[in-house]
Amino acid sequence: MKRFSFITNSYEETKELAQRLGRLLKAGDVLTLEGDLGAGKTTFTKGLAVGLGIKRVVSSPTFTIIKEYQGTLPLYHMDVYRLEDSDEDLGFDEYFLGNGVTVVEWAKFIQDMLPEEYMMIEIYHESESKRRIIFTPKGERYVSLCKELAEE
């Protein structure tokens, strides 16, 4: 499986990479975010939101599980960390198959509920401000998306 790796050297560069990706997304796209605690998963989502034309401030949905934002496309931002030991069906399919873009932080906790095709994004600390962001596309749509992002 092909992986695409990017290095960012600041909060702003991480947000800019995500903003570029946000401009390429379409309804029904699903992105998962994994990685080190505090590495920038919510920062990345903030950049996606800018790319999707969202004006509201984006914050982590840690205590609500799902937050929705309106832009050129709706953004469904999920943090499923608290669902680690839960079998509860929260209707994720409605989001994954909906008319917006879904971002799932800590998706490993709902792995069996994810669609067949999605983009896995991992964010790791390289140093205090430097991040390694690895895109692993699951499906042709996401391979094309990665190639387009890498060419920009």
N, C-alpha and C. Protein backbone atom coordinates (compact mmCIF):
# COMPACT_ATOMS: atom_id res chain seq x y z
N MET A 1 0.84 -1.19 0.00
CA MET A 1 0.00 0.00 0.00
C MET A 1 0.88 1.24 0.00
N LYS A 2 0.62 2.14 -0.92
CA LYS A 2 1.41 3.36 -1.04
C LYS A 2 1.09 4.32 0.09
N ARG A 3 2.13 4.95 0.59
CA ARG A 3 1.99 5.96 1.63
C ARG A 3 2.64 7.25 1.14
N PHE A 4 2.09 8.36 1.55
CA PHE A 4 2.62 9.67 1.17
C PHE A 4 3.00 10.38 2.46
N SER A 5 4.24 10.85 2.54
CA SER A 5 4.73 11.46 3.77
C SER A 5 5.06 12.93 3.53
N PHE A 6 4.66 13.77 4.47
CA PHE A 6 4.93 15.21 4.43
C PHE A 6 5.56 15.62 5.75
N ILE A 7 6.44 16.59 5.70
CA ILE A 7 7.03 17.18 6.91
C ILE A 7 6.55 18.62 7.00
N THR A 8 6.08 19.00 8.18
CA THR A 8 5.75 20.40 8.42
C THR A 8 6.62 20.88 9.59
N ASN A 9 6.97 22.15 9.56
CA ASN A 9 7.89 22.70 10.55
C ASN A 9 7.25 23.68 11.52
N SER A 10 5.93 23.80 11.44
CA SER A 10 5.24 24.72 12.35
C SER A 10 3.74 24.40 12.35
N TYR A 11 3.06 24.95 13.32
CA TYR A 11 1.60 24.87 13.41
C TYR A 11 0.99 25.39 12.12
N GLU A 12 1.51 26.51 11.63
CA GLU A 12 0.98 27.15 10.42
C GLU A 12 1.14 26.25 9.19
N GLU A 13 2.30 25.59 9.06
CA GLU A 13 2.53 24.71 7.92
C GLU A 13 1.60 23.48 7.98
N THR A 14 1.37 22.96 9.18
CA THR A 14 0.44 21.82 9.34
C THR A 14 -0.95 22.24 8.91
N LYS A 15 -1.35 23.41 9.36
CA LYS A 15 -2.68 23.92 9.01
C LYS A 15 -2.79 24.18 7.50
N GLU A 16 -1.72 24.70 6.89
CA GLU A 16 -1.71 24.99 5.45
C GLU A 16 -1.83 23.70 4.63
N LEU A 17 -1.11 22.65 5.02
CA LEU A 17 -1.21 21.36 4.33
C LEU A 17 -2.65 20.85 4.38
N ALA A 18 -3.25 20.93 5.55
CA ALA A 18 -4.64 20.49 5.71
C ALA A 18 -5.60 21.37 4.90
N GLN A 19 -5.33 22.66 4.85
CA GLN A 19 -6.18 23.58 4.08
C GLN A 19 -6.14 23.21 2.60
N ARG A 20 -4.95 22.90 2.09
CA ARG A 20 -4.83 22.47 0.69
C ARG A 20 -5.64 21.20 0.45
N LEU A 21 -5.56 20.26 1.38
CA LEU A 21 -6.35 19.03 1.27
C LEU A 21 -7.84 19.35 1.31
N GLY A 22 -8.24 20.22 2.21
CA GLY A 22 -9.65 20.59 2.34
C GLY A 22 -10.25 21.11 1.05
N ARG A 23 -9.47 21.84 0.27
CA ARG A 23 -9.96 22.37 -1.00
C ARG A 23 -10.18 21.27 -2.05
N LEU A 24 -9.59 20.10 -1.84
CA LEU A 24 -9.69 18.99 -2.79
C LEU A 24 -10.79 17.98 -2.43
N LEU A 25 -11.35 18.11 -1.24
CA LEU A 25 -12.30 17.11 -0.76
C LEU A 25 -13.67 17.24 -1.40
N LYS A 26 -14.39 16.10 -1.42
CA LYS A 26 -15.75 16.03 -1.97
C LYS A 26 -16.68 15.40 -0.94
N ALA A 27 -17.97 15.59 -1.16
CA ALA A 27 -18.98 14.98 -0.29
C ALA A 27 -18.75 13.48 -0.22
N GLY A 28 -18.83 12.94 0.98
CA GLY A 28 -18.65 11.51 1.19
C GLY A 28 -17.22 11.11 1.52
N ASP A 29 -16.26 12.05 1.46
CA ASP A 29 -14.89 11.71 1.81
C ASP A 29 -14.78 11.48 3.31
N VAL A 30 -14.01 10.48 3.69
CA VAL A 30 -13.78 10.13 5.09
C VAL A 30 -12.28 10.12 5.34
N LEU A 31 -11.88 10.85 6.37
CA LEU A 31 -10.48 10.93 6.78
C LEU A 31 -10.38 10.46 8.22
N THR A 32 -9.36 9.67 8.52
CA THR A 32 -9.13 9.29 9.90
C THR A 32 -7.83 9.93 10.36
N LEU A 33 -7.77 10.33 11.62
CA LEU A 33 -6.58 10.96 12.18
C LEU A 33 -6.10 10.16 13.38
N GLU A 34 -4.86 9.74 13.32
CA GLU A 34 -4.21 9.02 14.40
C GLU A 34 -2.89 9.71 14.68
N GLY A 35 -2.25 9.32 15.77
CA GLY A 35 -0.92 9.85 16.03
C GLY A 35 -0.72 10.22 17.47
N ASP A 36 0.43 10.81 17.72
CA ASP A 36 0.82 11.18 19.06
C ASP A 36 -0.18 12.15 19.69
N LEU A 37 -0.35 12.02 20.99
CA LEU A 37 -1.17 12.95 21.74
C LEU A 37 -0.54 14.35 21.62
N GLY A 38 -1.35 15.32 21.24
CA GLY A 38 -0.85 16.68 21.10
C GLY A 38 -0.03 16.94 19.85
N ALA A 39 -0.07 16.01 18.90
CA ALA A 39 0.75 16.17 17.68
C ALA A 39 0.13 17.14 16.69
N GLY A 40 -1.19 17.36 16.77
CA GLY A 40 -1.81 18.32 15.86
C GLY A 40 -3.02 17.82 15.11
N LYS A 41 -3.71 16.82 15.65
CA LYS A 41 -4.90 16.30 14.97
C LYS A 41 -5.98 17.37 14.86
N THR A 42 -6.22 18.10 15.93
CA THR A 42 -7.23 19.15 15.88
C THR A 42 -6.73 20.33 15.04
N THR A 43 -5.45 20.63 15.11
CA THR A 43 -4.86 21.67 14.25
C THR A 43 -5.07 21.32 12.79
N PHE A 44 -4.85 20.06 12.44
CA PHE A 44 -5.05 19.60 11.08
C PHE A 44 -6.51 19.80 10.67
N THR A 45 -7.42 19.45 11.56
CA THR A 45 -8.85 19.61 11.27
C THR A 45 -9.22 21.07 11.10
N LYS A 46 -8.60 21.95 11.86
CA LYS A 46 -8.84 23.39 11.70
C LYS A 46 -8.44 23.84 10.30
N GLY A 47 -7.32 23.33 9.79
CA GLY A 47 -6.90 23.66 8.44
C GLY A 47 -7.87 23.12 7.39
N LEU A 48 -8.34 21.90 7.59
CA LEU A 48 -9.35 21.34 6.68
C LEU A 48 -10.57 22.24 6.63
N ALA A 49 -10.99 22.70 7.80
CA ALA A 49 -12.18 23.55 7.88
C ALA A 49 -11.99 24.83 7.07
N VAL A 50 -10.82 25.43 7.15
CA VAL A 50 -10.54 26.64 6.36
C VAL A 50 -10.64 26.31 4.87
N GLY A 51 -10.07 25.18 4.47
CA GLY A 51 -10.14 24.76 3.08
C GLY A 51 -11.56 24.49 2.60
N LEU A 52 -12.44 24.14 3.54
CA LEU A 52 -13.85 23.90 3.22
C LEU A 52 -14.71 25.16 3.37
N GLY A 53 -14.06 26.30 3.62
CA GLY A 53 -14.79 27.56 3.72
C GLY A 53 -15.57 27.74 5.01
N ILE A 54 -15.19 27.04 6.05
CA ILE A 54 -15.88 27.13 7.34
C ILE A 54 -15.33 28.33 8.11
N LYS A 55 -16.23 29.16 8.59
CA LYS A 55 -15.85 30.38 9.29
C LYS A 55 -15.80 30.20 10.80
N ARG A 56 -16.58 29.24 11.34
CA ARG A 56 -16.62 29.02 12.79
C ARG A 56 -15.30 28.49 13.31
N VAL A 57 -15.05 28.74 14.59
CA VAL A 57 -13.86 28.21 15.24
C VAL A 57 -14.07 26.71 15.45
N VAL A 58 -13.09 25.92 15.05
CA VAL A 58 -13.15 24.47 15.19
C VAL A 58 -12.41 24.09 16.47
N SER A 59 -13.05 23.26 17.28
CA SER A 59 -12.42 22.76 18.50
C SER A 59 -12.63 21.26 18.59
N SER A 60 -11.88 20.62 19.45
CA SER A 60 -11.97 19.17 19.58
C SER A 60 -13.32 18.76 20.15
N PRO A 61 -13.95 17.75 19.55
CA PRO A 61 -15.24 17.28 20.04
C PRO A 61 -15.11 16.22 21.14
N THR A 62 -14.05 16.27 21.94
CA THR A 62 -13.75 15.25 22.92
C THR A 62 -14.95 14.88 23.79
N PHE A 63 -15.70 15.84 24.25
CA PHE A 63 -16.78 15.55 25.19
C PHE A 63 -18.13 15.39 24.51
N THR A 64 -18.23 15.77 23.24
CA THR A 64 -19.51 15.64 22.53
C THR A 64 -19.47 14.53 21.49
N ILE A 65 -18.33 13.99 21.20
CA ILE A 65 -18.05 12.95 20.21
C ILE A 65 -18.13 13.49 18.78
N ILE A 66 -19.21 14.21 18.41
CA ILE A 66 -19.35 14.71 17.04
C ILE A 66 -19.71 16.19 17.05
N LYS A 67 -18.98 16.98 16.26
CA LYS A 67 -19.34 18.37 16.02
C LYS A 67 -19.54 18.54 14.53
N GLU A 68 -20.51 19.36 14.16
CA GLU A 68 -20.81 19.63 12.75
C GLU A 68 -20.57 21.10 12.45
N TYR A 69 -19.98 21.35 11.28
CA TYR A 69 -19.69 22.70 10.82
C TYR A 69 -20.18 22.84 9.39
N GLN A 70 -20.66 24.02 9.03
CA GLN A 70 -21.14 24.28 7.67
C GLN A 70 -20.15 25.15 6.91
N GLY A 71 -19.83 24.73 5.69
CA GLY A 71 -18.97 25.48 4.78
C GLY A 71 -19.44 25.18 3.37
N THR A 72 -18.51 25.14 2.42
CA THR A 72 -18.89 24.74 1.07
C THR A 72 -19.42 23.30 1.09
N LEU A 73 -18.93 22.52 2.02
CA LEU A 73 -19.46 21.19 2.35
C LEU A 73 -19.54 21.12 3.87
N PRO A 74 -20.48 20.35 4.41
CA PRO A 74 -20.49 20.16 5.86
C PRO A 74 -19.24 19.38 6.30
N LEU A 75 -18.75 19.68 7.48
CA LEU A 75 -17.64 18.95 8.08
C LEU A 75 -18.17 18.28 9.34
N TYR A 76 -18.02 16.97 9.41
CA TYR A 76 -18.40 16.20 10.59
C TYR A 76 -17.11 15.80 11.28
N HIS A 77 -16.85 16.40 12.42
CA HIS A 77 -15.59 16.18 13.16
C HIS A 77 -15.89 15.30 14.37
N MET A 78 -15.31 14.11 14.38
CA MET A 78 -15.56 13.14 15.44
C MET A 78 -14.29 12.88 16.24
N ASP A 79 -14.45 12.73 17.53
CA ASP A 79 -13.38 12.25 18.40
C ASP A 79 -13.95 11.05 19.12
N VAL A 80 -13.54 9.85 18.72
CA VAL A 80 -14.15 8.63 19.25
C VAL A 80 -13.28 7.96 20.31
N TYR A 81 -12.35 8.71 20.87
CA TYR A 81 -11.47 8.17 21.91
C TYR A 81 -12.27 7.56 23.07
N ARG A 82 -13.33 8.22 23.47
CA ARG A 82 -14.15 7.75 24.60
C ARG A 82 -14.96 6.51 24.26
N LEU A 83 -14.96 6.08 23.02
CA LEU A 83 -15.74 4.90 22.61
C LEU A 83 -14.89 3.63 22.59
N GLU A 84 -13.70 3.69 23.17
CA GLU A 84 -12.77 2.56 23.10
C GLU A 84 -13.41 1.24 23.51
N ASP A 85 -14.20 1.22 24.56
CA ASP A 85 -14.79 -0.02 25.05
C ASP A 85 -16.29 -0.07 24.83
N SER A 86 -16.78 0.65 23.84
CA SER A 86 -18.22 0.74 23.61
C SER A 86 -18.63 -0.02 22.36
N ASP A 87 -19.78 -0.67 22.42
CA ASP A 87 -20.35 -1.34 21.25
C ASP A 87 -21.50 -0.53 20.68
N GLU A 88 -21.74 0.64 21.23
CA GLU A 88 -22.89 1.45 20.85
C GLU A 88 -22.80 1.92 19.40
N ASP A 89 -23.90 1.78 18.66
CA ASP A 89 -23.98 2.26 17.28
C ASP A 89 -24.52 3.68 17.31
N LEU A 90 -23.69 4.63 16.95
CA LEU A 90 -24.08 6.03 16.99
C LEU A 90 -24.48 6.56 15.61
N GLY A 91 -24.72 5.65 14.67
CA GLY A 91 -25.15 6.07 13.34
C GLY A 91 -24.04 6.65 12.49
N PHE A 92 -22.84 6.12 12.64
CA PHE A 92 -21.70 6.64 11.88
C PHE A 92 -21.93 6.56 10.38
N ASP A 93 -22.62 5.50 9.91
CA ASP A 93 -22.87 5.35 8.47
C ASP A 93 -23.57 6.56 7.88
N GLU A 94 -24.46 7.17 8.64
CA GLU A 94 -25.16 8.36 8.14
C GLU A 94 -24.19 9.49 7.83
N TYR A 95 -23.12 9.59 8.61
CA TYR A 95 -22.09 10.60 8.36
C TYR A 95 -21.19 10.16 7.21
N PHE A 96 -20.72 8.90 7.26
CA PHE A 96 -19.79 8.41 6.25
C PHE A 96 -20.39 8.45 4.85
N LEU A 97 -21.68 8.21 4.76
CA LEU A 97 -22.36 8.18 3.47
C LEU A 97 -23.11 9.47 3.17
N GLY A 98 -22.92 10.48 4.01
CA GLY A 98 -23.67 11.72 3.91
C GLY A 98 -23.14 12.68 2.87
N ASN A 99 -23.59 13.93 2.97
CA ASN A 99 -23.26 14.94 1.97
C ASN A 99 -22.11 15.84 2.40
N GLY A 100 -21.33 15.38 3.37
CA GLY A 100 -20.22 16.19 3.85
C GLY A 100 -18.93 15.40 3.91
N VAL A 101 -17.95 15.98 4.58
CA VAL A 101 -16.65 15.37 4.81
C VAL A 101 -16.59 14.95 6.27
N THR A 102 -16.17 13.72 6.52
CA THR A 102 -16.08 13.21 7.89
C THR A 102 -14.62 13.06 8.29
N VAL A 103 -14.27 13.60 9.46
CA VAL A 103 -12.93 13.46 10.03
C VAL A 103 -13.10 12.73 11.36
N VAL A 104 -12.39 11.62 11.52
CA VAL A 104 -12.50 10.81 12.73
C VAL A 104 -11.15 10.75 13.43
N GLU A 105 -11.07 11.38 14.61
CA GLU A 105 -9.88 11.26 15.44
C GLU A 105 -9.98 9.98 16.26
N TRP A 106 -8.86 9.27 16.40
CA TRP A 106 -8.78 8.01 17.15
C TRP A 106 -9.66 6.94 16.51
N ALA A 107 -9.67 6.88 15.19
CA ALA A 107 -10.54 5.96 14.45
C ALA A 107 -10.26 4.49 14.74
N LYS A 108 -9.10 4.18 15.29
CA LYS A 108 -8.80 2.78 15.58
C LYS A 108 -9.82 2.18 16.55
N PHE A 109 -10.52 3.02 17.30
CA PHE A 109 -11.51 2.52 18.25
C PHE A 109 -12.83 2.15 17.59
N ILE A 110 -13.03 2.54 16.33
CA ILE A 110 -14.24 2.16 15.60
C ILE A 110 -13.87 1.56 14.25
N GLN A 111 -12.71 0.94 14.17
CA GLN A 111 -12.17 0.41 12.91
C GLN A 111 -13.20 -0.42 12.14
N ASP A 112 -13.95 -1.26 12.83
CA ASP A 112 -14.90 -2.14 12.14
C ASP A 112 -16.13 -1.40 11.63
N MET A 113 -16.29 -0.13 11.99
CA MET A 113 -17.42 0.66 11.52
C MET A 113 -17.06 1.57 10.35
N LEU A 114 -15.76 1.68 10.04
CA LEU A 114 -15.32 2.57 8.97
C LEU A 114 -15.72 2.01 7.60
N PRO A 115 -15.90 2.90 6.63
CA PRO A 115 -16.18 2.41 5.27
C PRO A 115 -14.95 1.69 4.71
N GLU A 116 -15.14 0.97 3.63
CA GLU A 116 -14.02 0.25 3.00
C GLU A 116 -12.94 1.20 2.52
N GLU A 117 -13.35 2.33 1.97
CA GLU A 117 -12.39 3.29 1.42
C GLU A 117 -12.39 4.57 2.26
N TYR A 118 -11.19 5.01 2.61
CA TYR A 118 -11.01 6.25 3.36
C TYR A 118 -9.53 6.63 3.33
N MET A 119 -9.22 7.78 3.90
CA MET A 119 -7.83 8.23 3.97
C MET A 119 -7.38 8.18 5.43
N MET A 120 -6.35 7.38 5.70
CA MET A 120 -5.78 7.35 7.04
C MET A 120 -4.65 8.37 7.09
N ILE A 121 -4.71 9.25 8.08
CA ILE A 121 -3.68 10.28 8.26
C ILE A 121 -3.10 10.11 9.66
N GLU A 122 -1.77 9.96 9.71
CA GLU A 122 -1.08 9.83 10.99
C GLU A 122 -0.17 11.03 11.17
N ILE A 123 -0.17 11.59 12.38
CA ILE A 123 0.64 12.77 12.67
C ILE A 123 1.54 12.45 13.86
N TYR A 124 2.85 12.64 13.64
CA TYR A 124 3.83 12.31 14.68
C TYR A 124 4.77 13.48 14.94
N HIS A 125 5.18 13.62 16.21
CA HIS A 125 6.19 14.60 16.59
C HIS A 125 7.54 14.17 16.04
N GLU A 126 8.23 15.06 15.37
CA GLU A 126 9.62 14.85 14.99
C GLU A 126 10.51 15.67 15.92
N SER A 127 9.99 16.82 16.32
CA SER A 127 10.63 17.70 17.31
C SER A 127 9.52 18.58 17.87
N GLU A 128 9.87 19.57 18.63
CA GLU A 128 8.83 20.41 19.26
C GLU A 128 7.88 21.02 18.24
N SER A 129 8.40 21.50 17.10
CA SER A 129 7.52 22.13 16.11
C SER A 129 7.40 21.33 14.81
N LYS A 130 8.27 20.38 14.61
CA LYS A 130 8.29 19.60 13.36
C LYS A 130 7.37 18.38 13.47
N ARG A 131 6.57 18.16 12.40
CA ARG A 131 5.65 17.02 12.37
C ARG A 131 5.86 16.20 11.10
N ARG A 132 5.73 14.89 11.23
CA ARG A 132 5.68 13.99 10.08
C ARG A 132 4.22 13.60 9.93
N ILE A 133 3.67 13.86 8.74
CA ILE A 133 2.26 13.56 8.48
C ILE A 133 2.23 12.53 7.35
N ILE A 134 1.68 11.37 7.67
CA ILE A 134 1.68 10.25 6.73
C ILE A 134 0.24 9.98 6.28
N PHE A 135 0.06 10.00 4.96
CA PHE A 135 -1.24 9.71 4.36
C PHE A 135 -1.20 8.30 3.80
N THR A 136 -2.14 7.46 4.21
CA THR A 136 -2.26 6.11 3.67
C THR A 136 -3.64 6.00 3.04
N PRO A 137 -3.71 6.06 1.71
CA PRO A 137 -5.01 6.00 1.04
C PRO A 137 -5.54 4.58 0.99
N LYS A 138 -6.81 4.43 1.29
CA LYS A 138 -7.51 3.14 1.20
C LYS A 138 -8.55 3.30 0.11
N GLY A 139 -8.17 3.00 -1.13
CA GLY A 139 -9.07 3.14 -2.27
C GLY A 139 -8.53 4.14 -3.28
N GLU A 140 -8.94 3.95 -4.54
CA GLU A 140 -8.43 4.76 -5.65
C GLU A 140 -8.72 6.26 -5.50
N ARG A 141 -9.90 6.60 -4.99
CA ARG A 141 -10.23 8.02 -4.79
C ARG A 141 -9.15 8.69 -3.95
N TYR A 142 -8.72 8.02 -2.91
CA TYR A 142 -7.77 8.61 -1.97
C TYR A 142 -6.33 8.56 -2.49
N VAL A 143 -6.02 7.57 -3.32
CA VAL A 143 -4.71 7.55 -3.98
C VAL A 143 -4.60 8.79 -4.88
N SER A 144 -5.64 9.05 -5.67
CA SER A 144 -5.67 10.23 -6.55
C SER A 144 -5.56 11.52 -5.74
N LEU A 145 -6.25 11.57 -4.63
CA LEU A 145 -6.22 12.74 -3.76
C LEU A 145 -4.80 13.00 -3.25
N CYS A 146 -4.12 11.95 -2.83
CA CYS A 146 -2.74 12.09 -2.34
C CYS A 146 -1.81 12.57 -3.44
N LYS A 147 -1.96 12.00 -4.62
CA LYS A 147 -1.11 12.42 -5.74
C LYS A 147 -1.32 13.88 -6.06
N GLU A 148 -2.57 14.31 -6.07
CA GLU A 148 -2.88 15.71 -6.35
C GLU A 148 -2.31 16.62 -5.27
N LEU A 149 -2.41 16.22 -4.01
CA LEU A 149 -1.87 17.02 -2.91
C LEU A 149 -0.35 17.09 -3.00
N ALA A 150 0.30 16.00 -3.36
CA ALA A 150 1.76 15.96 -3.45
C ALA A 150 2.28 16.82 -4.60
N GLU A 151 1.46 17.01 -5.64
CA GLU A 151 1.87 17.80 -6.80
C GLU A 151 1.71 19.29 -6.59
N GLU A 152 0.89 19.69 -5.63
CA GLU A 152 0.63 21.13 -5.43
C GLU A 152 1.88 21.86 -4.97
